[in-house]
Amino acid sequence: MSKLVQFVKESYAELRKVVWPGRDDVVSSIKVVLISTVIIAAALGLVDVLLLFGIRAIF
């Protein structure tokens, strides 16, 4: 049981050392992720449509 208590204390001490990102950093990261997701989804959709037309032209 003492090892568990020691683990919790050490974990809490390590978490106090973490430099958490600010609100502006989080918002800008979210924007990057959302824009990247939309761009990749559009590119994959375009590839899908082009392959569909290609397959229909062959068969």
PDB file of N, CA and C in Angstrom:
ATOM      1  N   MET A   1       0.827  -1.190   0.000  1.00  0.00           N
ATOM      2  CA  MET A   1       0.000   0.000   0.000  1.00  0.00           C
ATOM      3  C   MET A   1       0.873   1.257   0.000  1.00  0.00           C
ATOM      4  N   SER A   2       2.026   1.172   0.639  1.00  0.00           N
ATOM      5  CA  SER A   2       2.887   2.348   0.723  1.00  0.00           C
ATOM      6  C   SER A   2       3.447   2.703  -0.660  1.00  0.00           C
ATOM      7  N   LYS A   3       3.651   1.687  -1.506  1.00  0.00           N
ATOM      8  CA  LYS A   3       4.137   1.956  -2.861  1.00  0.00           C
ATOM      9  C   LYS A   3       3.088   2.712  -3.668  1.00  0.00           C
ATOM     10  N   LEU A   4       1.825   2.381  -3.459  1.00  0.00           N
ATOM     11  CA  LEU A   4       0.746   3.073  -4.162  1.00  0.00           C
ATOM     12  C   LEU A   4       0.683   4.538  -3.728  1.00  0.00           C
ATOM     13  N   VAL A   5       0.795   4.785  -2.448  1.00  0.00           N
ATOM     14  CA  VAL A   5       0.771   6.160  -1.934  1.00  0.00           C
ATOM     15  C   VAL A   5       1.974   6.929  -2.462  1.00  0.00           C
ATOM     16  N   GLN A   6       3.124   6.297  -2.471  1.00  0.00           N
ATOM     17  CA  GLN A   6       4.333   6.945  -2.988  1.00  0.00           C
ATOM     18  C   GLN A   6       4.165   7.259  -4.476  1.00  0.00           C
ATOM     19  N   PHE A   7       3.588   6.336  -5.236  1.00  0.00           N
ATOM     20  CA  PHE A   7       3.362   6.558  -6.654  1.00  0.00           C
ATOM     21  C   PHE A   7       2.449   7.763  -6.890  1.00  0.00           C
ATOM     22  N   VAL A   8       1.386   7.850  -6.127  1.00  0.00           N
ATOM     23  CA  VAL A   8       0.449   8.971  -6.270  1.00  0.00           C
ATOM     24  C   VAL A   8       1.134  10.287  -5.921  1.00  0.00           C
ATOM     25  N   LYS A   9       1.913  10.312  -4.870  1.00  0.00           N
ATOM     26  CA  LYS A   9       2.626  11.531  -4.481  1.00  0.00           C
ATOM     27  C   LYS A   9       3.622  11.955  -5.558  1.00  0.00           C
ATOM     28  N   GLU A  10       4.371  11.001  -6.095  1.00  0.00           N
ATOM     29  CA  GLU A  10       5.346  11.312  -7.133  1.00  0.00           C
ATOM     30  C   GLU A  10       4.663  11.759  -8.426  1.00  0.00           C
ATOM     31  N   SER A  11       3.548  11.134  -8.748  1.00  0.00           N
ATOM     32  CA  SER A  11       2.799  11.535  -9.942  1.00  0.00           C
ATOM     33  C   SER A  11       2.289  12.961  -9.800  1.00  0.00           C
ATOM     34  N   TYR A  12       1.761  13.282  -8.641  1.00  0.00           N
ATOM     35  CA  TYR A  12       1.270  14.642  -8.385  1.00  0.00           C
ATOM     36  C   TYR A  12       2.417  15.646  -8.477  1.00  0.00           C
ATOM     37  N   ALA A  13       3.570  15.299  -7.959  1.00  0.00           N
ATOM     38  CA  ALA A  13       4.732  16.188  -8.015  1.00  0.00           C
ATOM     39  C   ALA A  13       5.170  16.413  -9.461  1.00  0.00           C
ATOM     40  N   GLU A  14       5.145  15.383 -10.284  1.00  0.00           N
ATOM     41  CA  GLU A  14       5.522  15.520 -11.691  1.00  0.00           C
ATOM     42  C   GLU A  14       4.508  16.370 -12.447  1.00  0.00           C
ATOM     43  N   LEU A  15       3.230  16.202 -12.135  1.00  0.00           N
ATOM     44  CA  LEU A  15       2.199  16.999 -12.808  1.00  0.00           C
ATOM     45  C   LEU A  15       2.332  18.489 -12.480  1.00  0.00           C
ATOM     46  N   ARG A  16       2.863  18.809 -11.320  1.00  0.00           N
ATOM     47  CA  ARG A  16       3.055  20.215 -10.964  1.00  0.00           C
ATOM     48  C   ARG A  16       4.180  20.846 -11.780  1.00  0.00           C
ATOM     49  N   LYS A  17       5.069  20.025 -12.353  1.00  0.00           N
ATOM     50  CA  LYS A  17       6.172  20.528 -13.159  1.00  0.00           C
ATOM     51  C   LYS A  17       5.765  20.802 -14.604  1.00  0.00           C
ATOM     52  N   VAL A  18       4.636  20.258 -15.005  1.00  0.00           N
ATOM     53  CA  VAL A  18       4.191  20.383 -16.397  1.00  0.00           C
ATOM     54  C   VAL A  18       3.824  21.829 -16.695  1.00  0.00           C
ATOM     55  N   VAL A  19       4.254  22.296 -17.872  1.00  0.00           N
ATOM     56  CA  VAL A  19       3.862  23.623 -18.335  1.00  0.00           C
ATOM     57  C   VAL A  19       2.675  23.426 -19.264  1.00  0.00           C
ATOM     58  N   TRP A  20       1.485  23.757 -18.758  1.00  0.00           N
ATOM     59  CA  TRP A  20       0.265  23.544 -19.520  1.00  0.00           C
ATOM     60  C   TRP A  20       0.108  24.654 -20.550  1.00  0.00           C
ATOM     61  N   PRO A  21      -0.400  24.321 -21.754  1.00  0.00           N
ATOM     62  CA  PRO A  21      -0.583  25.348 -22.787  1.00  0.00           C
ATOM     63  C   PRO A  21      -1.680  26.332 -22.400  1.00  0.00           C
ATOM     64  N   GLY A  22      -1.509  27.546 -22.872  1.00  0.00           N
ATOM     65  CA  GLY A  22      -2.513  28.572 -22.604  1.00  0.00           C
ATOM     66  C   GLY A  22      -3.693  28.434 -23.553  1.00  0.00           C
ATOM     67  N   ARG A  23      -4.699  29.242 -23.315  1.00  0.00           N
ATOM     68  CA  ARG A  23      -5.919  29.190 -24.126  1.00  0.00           C
ATOM     69  C   ARG A  23      -5.612  29.493 -25.588  1.00  0.00           C
ATOM     70  N   ASP A  24      -4.771  30.488 -25.847  1.00  0.00           N
ATOM     71  CA  ASP A  24      -4.444  30.856 -27.231  1.00  0.00           C
ATOM     72  C   ASP A  24      -3.742  29.715 -27.958  1.00  0.00           C
ATOM     73  N   ASP A  25      -2.838  29.024 -27.278  1.00  0.00           N
ATOM     74  CA  ASP A  25      -2.139  27.891 -27.879  1.00  0.00           C
ATOM     75  C   ASP A  25      -3.113  26.767 -28.233  1.00  0.00           C
ATOM     76  N   VAL A  26      -4.035  26.498 -27.331  1.00  0.00           N
ATOM     77  CA  VAL A  26      -5.004  25.423 -27.561  1.00  0.00           C
ATOM     78  C   VAL A  26      -5.919  25.775 -28.725  1.00  0.00           C
ATOM     79  N   VAL A  27      -6.389  27.018 -28.772  1.00  0.00           N
ATOM     80  CA  VAL A  27      -7.287  27.440 -29.845  1.00  0.00           C
ATOM     81  C   VAL A  27      -6.577  27.377 -31.192  1.00  0.00           C
ATOM     82  N   SER A  28      -5.333  27.829 -31.257  1.00  0.00           N
ATOM     83  CA  SER A  28      -4.616  27.785 -32.526  1.00  0.00           C
ATOM     84  C   SER A  28      -4.340  26.338 -32.950  1.00  0.00           C
ATOM     85  N   SER A  29      -4.055  25.470 -32.010  1.00  0.00           N
ATOM     86  CA  SER A  29      -3.848  24.053 -32.337  1.00  0.00           C
ATOM     87  C   SER A  29      -5.137  23.416 -32.858  1.00  0.00           C
ATOM     88  N   ILE A  30      -6.255  23.758 -32.255  1.00  0.00           N
ATOM     89  CA  ILE A  30      -7.541  23.227 -32.708  1.00  0.00           C
ATOM     90  C   ILE A  30      -7.836  23.702 -34.128  1.00  0.00           C
ATOM     91  N   LYS A  31      -7.538  24.959 -34.421  1.00  0.00           N
ATOM     92  CA  LYS A  31      -7.757  25.484 -35.775  1.00  0.00           C
ATOM     93  C   LYS A  31      -6.919  24.720 -36.792  1.00  0.00           C
ATOM     94  N   VAL A  32      -5.668  24.475 -36.459  1.00  0.00           N
ATOM     95  CA  VAL A  32      -4.789  23.735 -37.367  1.00  0.00           C
ATOM     96  C   VAL A  32      -5.341  22.331 -37.615  1.00  0.00           C
ATOM     97  N   VAL A  33      -5.776  21.656 -36.579  1.00  0.00           N
ATOM     98  CA  VAL A  33      -6.297  20.302 -36.715  1.00  0.00           C
ATOM     99  C   VAL A  33      -7.574  20.294 -37.558  1.00  0.00           C
ATOM    100  N   LEU A  34      -8.478  21.224 -37.302  1.00  0.00           N
ATOM    101  CA  LEU A  34      -9.731  21.259 -38.054  1.00  0.00           C
ATOM    102  C   LEU A  34      -9.498  21.577 -39.527  1.00  0.00           C
ATOM    103  N   ILE A  35      -8.649  22.546 -39.813  1.00  0.00           N
ATOM    104  CA  ILE A  35      -8.369  22.905 -41.202  1.00  0.00           C
ATOM    105  C   ILE A  35      -7.674  21.747 -41.916  1.00  0.00           C
ATOM    106  N   SER A  36      -6.719  21.121 -41.262  1.00  0.00           N
ATOM    107  CA  SER A  36      -6.028  19.971 -41.854  1.00  0.00           C
ATOM    108  C   SER A  36      -6.999  18.832 -42.127  1.00  0.00           C
ATOM    109  N   THR A  37      -7.911  18.597 -41.220  1.00  0.00           N
ATOM    110  CA  THR A  37      -8.895  17.527 -41.390  1.00  0.00           C
ATOM    111  C   THR A  37      -9.793  17.798 -42.588  1.00  0.00           C
ATOM    112  N   VAL A  38     -10.245  19.035 -42.723  1.00  0.00           N
ATOM    113  CA  VAL A  38     -11.115  19.386 -43.853  1.00  0.00           C
ATOM    114  C   VAL A  38     -10.363  19.250 -45.174  1.00  0.00           C
ATOM    115  N   ILE A  39      -9.120  19.701 -45.226  1.00  0.00           N
ATOM    116  CA  ILE A  39      -8.328  19.616 -46.458  1.00  0.00           C
ATOM    117  C   ILE A  39      -8.081  18.156 -46.843  1.00  0.00           C
ATOM    118  N   ILE A  40      -7.711  17.338 -45.887  1.00  0.00           N
ATOM    119  CA  ILE A  40      -7.450  15.921 -46.182  1.00  0.00           C
ATOM    120  C   ILE A  40      -8.739  15.208 -46.590  1.00  0.00           C
ATOM    121  N   ALA A  41      -9.853  15.528 -45.927  1.00  0.00           N
ATOM    122  CA  ALA A  41     -11.133  14.920 -46.300  1.00  0.00           C
ATOM    123  C   ALA A  41     -11.523  15.311 -47.718  1.00  0.00           C
ATOM    124  N   ALA A  42     -11.321  16.568 -48.089  1.00  0.00           N
ATOM    125  CA  ALA A  42     -11.639  17.011 -49.445  1.00  0.00           C
ATOM    126  C   ALA A  42     -10.742  16.316 -50.468  1.00  0.00           C
ATOM    127  N   ALA A  43      -9.475  16.192 -50.164  1.00  0.00           N
ATOM    128  CA  ALA A  43      -8.549  15.531 -51.085  1.00  0.00           C
ATOM    129  C   ALA A  43      -8.923  14.056 -51.262  1.00  0.00           C
ATOM    130  N   LEU A  44      -9.229  13.373 -50.176  1.00  0.00           N
ATOM    131  CA  LEU A  44      -9.628  11.971 -50.275  1.00  0.00           C
ATOM    132  C   LEU A  44     -10.957  11.817 -51.008  1.00  0.00           C
ATOM    133  N   GLY A  45     -11.880  12.739 -50.795  1.00  0.00           N
ATOM    134  CA  GLY A  45     -13.147  12.717 -51.525  1.00  0.00           C
ATOM    135  C   GLY A  45     -12.922  12.891 -53.015  1.00  0.00           C
ATOM    136  N   LEU A  46     -12.025  13.800 -53.394  1.00  0.00           N
ATOM    137  CA  LEU A  46     -11.710  14.015 -54.801  1.00  0.00           C
ATOM    138  C   LEU A  46     -11.087  12.764 -55.420  1.00  0.00           C
ATOM    139  N   VAL A  47     -10.162  12.148 -54.722  1.00  0.00           N
ATOM    140  CA  VAL A  47      -9.550  10.912 -55.208  1.00  0.00           C
ATOM    141  C   VAL A  47     -10.615   9.828 -55.366  1.00  0.00           C
ATOM    142  N   ASP A  48     -11.526   9.739 -54.423  1.00  0.00           N
ATOM    143  CA  ASP A  48     -12.591   8.745 -54.480  1.00  0.00           C
ATOM    144  C   ASP A  48     -13.466   8.961 -55.710  1.00  0.00           C
ATOM    145  N   VAL A  49     -13.848  10.207 -55.975  1.00  0.00           N
ATOM    146  CA  VAL A  49     -14.687  10.515 -57.139  1.00  0.00           C
ATOM    147  C   VAL A  49     -13.940  10.208 -58.430  1.00  0.00           C
ATOM    148  N   LEU A  50     -12.674  10.582 -58.497  1.00  0.00           N
ATOM    149  CA  LEU A  50     -11.898  10.315 -59.701  1.00  0.00           C
ATOM    150  C   LEU A  50     -11.750   8.805 -59.956  1.00  0.00           C
ATOM    151  N   LEU A  51     -11.507   8.050 -58.916  1.00  0.00           N
ATOM    152  CA  LEU A  51     -11.419   6.599 -59.069  1.00  0.00           C
ATOM    153  C   LEU A  51     -12.769   5.995 -59.483  1.00  0.00           C
ATOM    154  N   LEU A  52     -13.843   6.521 -58.940  1.00  0.00           N
ATOM    155  CA  LEU A  52     -15.172   6.050 -59.305  1.00  0.00           C
ATOM    156  C   LEU A  52     -15.435   6.282 -60.784  1.00  0.00           C
ATOM    157  N   PHE A  53     -15.139   7.477 -61.264  1.00  0.00           N
ATOM    158  CA  PHE A  53     -15.325   7.772 -62.691  1.00  0.00           C
ATOM    159  C   PHE A  53     -14.418   6.899 -63.547  1.00  0.00           C
ATOM    160  N   GLY A  54     -13.198   6.679 -63.104  1.00  0.00           N
ATOM    161  CA  GLY A  54     -12.267   5.843 -63.843  1.00  0.00           C
ATOM    162  C   GLY A  54     -12.745   4.406 -63.946  1.00  0.00           C
ATOM    163  N   ILE A  55     -13.232   3.866 -62.845  1.00  0.00           N
ATOM    164  CA  ILE A  55     -13.724   2.487 -62.840  1.00  0.00           C
ATOM    165  C   ILE A  55     -14.978   2.359 -63.690  1.00  0.00           C
ATOM    166  N   ARG A  56     -15.866   3.342 -63.628  1.00  0.00           N
ATOM    167  CA  ARG A  56     -17.074   3.301 -64.453  1.00  0.00           C
ATOM    168  C   ARG A  56     -16.737   3.416 -65.931  1.00  0.00           C
ATOM    169  N   ALA A  57     -15.694   4.155 -66.269  1.00  0.00           N
ATOM    170  CA  ALA A  57     -15.296   4.288 -67.671  1.00  0.00           C
ATOM    171  C   ALA A  57     -14.725   2.968 -68.202  1.00  0.00           C
ATOM    172  N   ILE A  58     -14.039   2.242 -67.341  1.00  0.00           N
ATOM    173  CA  ILE A  58     -13.440   0.970 -67.767  1.00  0.00           C
ATOM    174  C   ILE A  58     -14.509  -0.112 -67.905  1.00  0.00           C
ATOM    175  N   PHE A  59     -15.422  -0.177 -66.969  1.00  0.00           N
ATOM    176  CA  PHE A  59     -16.427  -1.248 -66.974  1.00  0.00           C
ATOM    177  C   PHE A  59     -17.692  -0.699 -67.501  1.00  0.00           C
TER     178      PHE A  59
END
